[in-house]
Protein backbone atom coordinates (compact mmCIF):
# COMPACT_ATOMS: atom_id res chain seq x y z
CA MET A 1 114.57 96.21 111.03
CA ARG A 2 114.80 98.57 113.98
CA ALA A 3 112.84 101.20 112.07
CA ALA A 4 110.31 98.55 111.01
CA TRP A 5 109.78 97.50 114.64
CA LEU A 6 109.28 101.15 115.61
CA VAL A 7 106.66 101.57 112.88
CA ALA A 8 104.95 98.35 113.97
CA LEU A 9 104.87 99.40 117.64
CA ARG A 10 103.51 102.80 116.68
CA GLU A 11 100.76 101.12 114.62
CA LEU A 12 99.81 98.81 117.49
CA ARG A 13 99.71 101.70 119.95
CA ALA A 14 97.51 103.68 117.56
CA ASP A 15 95.15 100.69 117.23
CA ALA A 16 95.01 100.39 121.01
CA ARG A 17 94.12 104.08 121.40
CA GLN A 18 91.69 104.10 118.46
CA PRO A 19 90.33 100.55 118.07
CA ASP A 20 87.60 101.60 115.66
CA GLY A 21 89.38 100.00 112.68
CA VAL A 22 89.72 96.59 114.33
CA ALA A 23 86.20 96.82 115.76
CA THR A 24 84.82 97.67 112.32
CA ALA A 25 86.67 94.73 110.78
CA VAL A 26 85.35 92.30 113.41
CA THR A 27 81.79 93.56 112.88
CA PHE A 28 82.27 93.32 109.13
CA VAL A 29 83.50 89.71 109.32
CA GLY A 30 80.61 88.66 111.53
CA ALA A 31 78.00 90.37 109.40
CA LEU A 32 79.45 89.11 106.12
CA VAL A 33 79.69 85.51 107.35
CA LEU A 34 76.08 85.69 108.55
CA VAL A 35 74.81 87.18 105.28
CA GLU A 36 76.79 84.69 103.16
CA SER A 37 75.44 81.77 105.19
CA LEU A 38 71.88 83.03 104.75
CA VAL A 39 72.39 83.40 101.00
CA VAL A 40 73.71 79.87 100.46
CA GLY A 41 71.55 78.37 103.21
CA PRO A 42 72.55 77.18 106.70
CA GLN A 43 73.03 73.55 105.65
CA VAL A 44 75.32 74.42 102.75
CA ALA A 45 77.20 76.99 104.84
CA ARG A 46 78.11 74.27 107.37
CA GLU A 47 79.84 72.11 104.77
CA ALA A 48 83.59 71.77 105.21
CA THR A 49 84.22 73.00 101.65
CA VAL A 50 81.96 76.05 101.98
CA ALA A 51 82.41 77.40 105.53
CA PRO A 52 86.17 78.05 105.14
CA ALA A 53 85.61 79.80 101.80
CA LEU A 54 83.03 82.11 103.40
CA TYR A 55 85.46 82.78 106.24
CA TRP A 56 88.42 83.69 104.01
CA VAL A 57 86.36 85.95 101.74
CA ALA A 58 85.12 87.84 104.81
CA LEU A 59 88.63 88.04 106.24
CA LEU A 60 90.04 89.36 102.95
CA PHE A 61 87.66 92.30 102.94
CA ALA A 62 88.30 92.85 106.65
CA ALA A 63 92.02 93.09 105.83
CA ILE A 64 91.22 95.77 103.27
CA VAL A 65 89.19 97.69 105.88
CA VAL A 66 91.98 97.53 108.51
CA THR A 67 94.73 98.44 106.05
CA THR A 68 92.81 101.34 104.54
CA ARG A 69 92.06 102.68 108.02
CA SER A 70 95.76 102.46 108.89
CA PHE A 71 96.85 104.52 105.88
CA ASP A 72 94.00 107.00 106.36
CA ARG A 73 95.31 107.64 109.86
CA GLU A 74 98.77 108.34 108.42
CA LEU A 75 97.38 110.81 105.89
CA ALA A 76 95.19 112.57 108.45
CA ASP A 77 98.11 113.67 110.65
CA ASP A 78 100.72 113.94 107.84
CA ALA A 79 102.82 111.22 109.48
CA LEU A 80 103.47 109.35 106.24
CA GLU A 81 105.97 111.86 104.90
CA ALA A 82 107.88 111.87 108.20
CA VAL A 83 108.34 108.10 108.11
CA LEU A 84 109.35 108.14 104.44
CA ALA A 85 112.00 110.76 105.22
CA LEU A 86 113.85 108.34 107.50
CA PRO A 87 116.77 106.29 106.09
CA GLY A 88 115.15 103.21 104.58
CA GLY A 89 111.80 104.69 105.47
CA ARG A 90 109.86 103.14 102.59
CA ASP A 91 110.96 99.60 103.40
CA ALA A 92 110.50 100.23 107.12
CA LEU A 93 106.99 101.54 106.55
CA TYR A 94 105.99 98.46 104.56
CA ALA A 95 107.64 95.96 106.92
CA GLY A 96 106.32 97.71 110.02
CA LYS A 97 102.77 97.84 108.72
CA LEU A 98 103.05 94.20 107.67
CA LEU A 99 103.97 93.16 111.20
CA ALA A 100 101.35 95.33 112.90
CA LEU A 101 98.52 94.46 110.52
CA ALA A 102 99.33 90.76 110.75
CA VAL A 103 98.82 91.01 114.51
CA ALA A 104 95.61 93.02 114.12
CA LEU A 105 94.28 90.66 111.48
CA ALA A 106 95.12 87.64 113.62
CA VAL A 107 92.90 89.12 116.34
CA VAL A 108 90.14 89.81 113.82
CA GLY A 109 90.52 86.32 112.35
CA ALA A 110 90.34 84.63 115.75
CA ILE A 111 87.21 86.53 116.78
CA GLY A 112 85.67 86.02 113.34
CA GLY A 113 86.37 82.29 113.50
CA ILE A 114 84.72 82.03 116.91
CA LEU A 115 81.70 83.94 115.60
CA GLN A 116 81.42 81.65 112.58
CA VAL A 117 81.64 78.51 114.69
CA ALA A 118 78.96 79.89 117.01
CA LEU A 119 76.66 81.22 114.28
CA LEU A 120 76.81 78.11 112.10
CA ASP A 121 77.25 75.58 114.92
CA LEU A 122 80.33 74.14 113.22
CA SER A 123 82.17 71.11 114.54
CA VAL A 124 85.97 71.44 114.42
CA ALA A 125 87.76 68.08 114.45
CA LEU A 126 91.29 69.49 114.65
CA ALA A 127 91.22 72.86 116.45
CA GLY A 128 95.03 73.16 116.52
CA HIS A 129 95.37 72.56 112.79
CA ALA A 130 92.59 75.06 112.12
CA LEU A 131 94.43 77.65 114.24
CA ILE A 132 97.66 77.04 112.30
CA ALA A 133 95.83 77.53 108.99
CA VAL A 134 94.24 80.77 110.18
CA LEU A 135 97.51 82.18 111.53
CA LEU A 136 99.46 81.39 108.37
CA GLY A 137 96.66 82.69 106.17
CA THR A 138 96.49 85.99 108.03
CA ILE A 139 100.20 86.54 107.41
CA ALA A 140 99.76 86.33 103.63
CA LEU A 141 96.81 88.72 103.37
CA PRO A 142 98.41 91.98 104.63
CA ALA A 143 101.49 91.61 102.39
CA VAL A 144 99.39 92.04 99.24
CA VAL A 145 96.71 94.37 100.60
CA ILE A 146 99.25 96.86 102.00
CA LEU A 147 100.98 97.03 98.63
CA ASP A 148 97.70 97.62 96.77
CA VAL A 149 96.57 100.30 99.22
CA ALA A 150 99.95 102.02 98.83
CA LEU A 151 99.64 101.94 95.02
CA THR A 152 96.19 103.56 95.14
CA LEU A 153 96.82 105.77 98.16
CA ARG A 154 96.08 109.11 96.54
CA LEU A 155 93.43 107.97 94.06
CA ARG A 156 89.78 108.76 94.62
CA ALA A 157 88.71 105.34 93.36
CA ARG A 158 90.88 103.53 95.92
CA ALA A 159 87.93 101.79 97.57
CA ALA A 160 87.07 100.09 94.27
CA LEU A 161 90.61 99.53 92.99
CA VAL A 162 92.08 97.77 96.03
CA PRO A 163 89.77 94.70 95.84
CA ILE A 164 90.20 94.55 92.06
CA LEU A 165 94.00 94.49 92.44
CA ALA A 166 94.18 92.25 95.51
CA VAL A 167 91.69 89.46 94.79
CA PRO A 168 93.36 87.99 91.64
CA VAL A 169 96.78 87.93 93.32
CA LEU A 170 95.38 86.34 96.49
CA VAL A 171 93.54 83.50 94.73
CA PRO A 172 96.31 80.93 95.53
CA GLN A 173 96.26 81.99 99.18
CA LEU A 174 92.46 81.78 99.35
CA VAL A 175 92.46 78.30 97.77
CA ALA A 176 95.20 77.03 100.10
CA GLY A 177 93.57 78.57 103.15
CA THR A 178 90.18 77.13 102.29
CA ASN A 179 91.59 73.64 101.83
CA ALA A 180 93.77 73.78 104.97
CA LEU A 181 90.87 74.97 107.12
CA GLY A 182 88.33 72.64 105.53
CA LEU A 183 90.53 69.58 106.10
CA ALA A 184 91.05 70.64 109.71
CA LEU A 185 87.28 70.71 110.13
CA THR A 186 86.94 67.16 108.77
CA GLY A 187 89.91 65.75 110.71
CA ASP A 188 92.48 65.11 107.95
CA ALA A 189 95.62 66.20 109.81
CA THR A 190 98.24 65.33 107.18
CA ALA A 191 96.51 67.05 104.27
CA SER A 192 95.67 70.09 106.41
CA LEU A 193 99.33 70.53 107.39
CA ALA A 194 100.38 70.13 103.76
CA TRP A 195 98.09 72.94 102.67
CA SER A 196 99.25 75.01 105.66
CA GLY A 197 102.83 74.52 104.46
CA LEU A 198 101.79 75.90 101.10
CA LEU A 199 100.21 78.85 102.93
CA LEU A 200 103.54 79.53 104.63
CA ALA A 201 105.38 79.42 101.29
CA ILE A 202 102.84 81.81 99.74
CA ALA A 203 103.18 84.20 102.69
CA LEU A 204 106.98 84.26 102.35
CA VAL A 205 106.79 84.86 98.58
CA TYR A 206 104.29 87.70 99.00
CA ALA A 207 106.34 89.30 101.78
CA VAL A 208 109.60 89.17 99.79
CA LEU A 209 107.96 90.52 96.64
CA GLY A 210 106.30 93.25 98.68
CA LEU A 211 109.59 94.33 100.23
CA THR A 212 111.21 94.30 96.78
CA ILE A 213 108.75 96.71 95.18
CA ALA A 214 107.34 98.52 98.23
CA GLY A 215 109.68 101.48 97.90
CA THR A 216 108.65 102.20 94.33
CA ALA A 217 104.96 101.58 95.07
CA ILE A 218 104.88 103.94 98.06
CA GLU A 219 106.82 106.59 96.14
């Protein structure tokens, strides 16, 4: 865990010095939400069953952008091999990136949510429940995306393969996140918390599975 915290702190410091990855993800989320709302129409995009789905799809691809940028930075300065050479380096690399990218994605998700509310003029009945759903959902996304980026790290077709690998696995998380956020918009507190509990369970399962096979995947 100490090595994982060191990796996470190093990631966060790198993001602070070079915030282009987070800035790109925020811009991507805002642009994608706007384009999606124009495609389906403003009235449809404001519906409680549609707006959360548009949000989570945008956030999923933003997670891919941030994670890919993180690994590209490792490859550019040959830092990946140095981390892997440490005792327990593979597990520490995965866990550290999971912690750091969850923080970065929480920032992206918060800004993206504010942009969506402003762009679509959404009314949020239960802001606290919506925040819980977003936070729990952003924990589950990096666990899968990091693993898929690691699997395709040295492949030229990585940009196409990562979404193909990640989206089917993340369908339960996207469904739970959409329902939790949608019910928070409409004011159903009990059902929103129930779906948020499922989000937490999914995040824990993904994290444990990721830690179990991360060493082999990174190797």
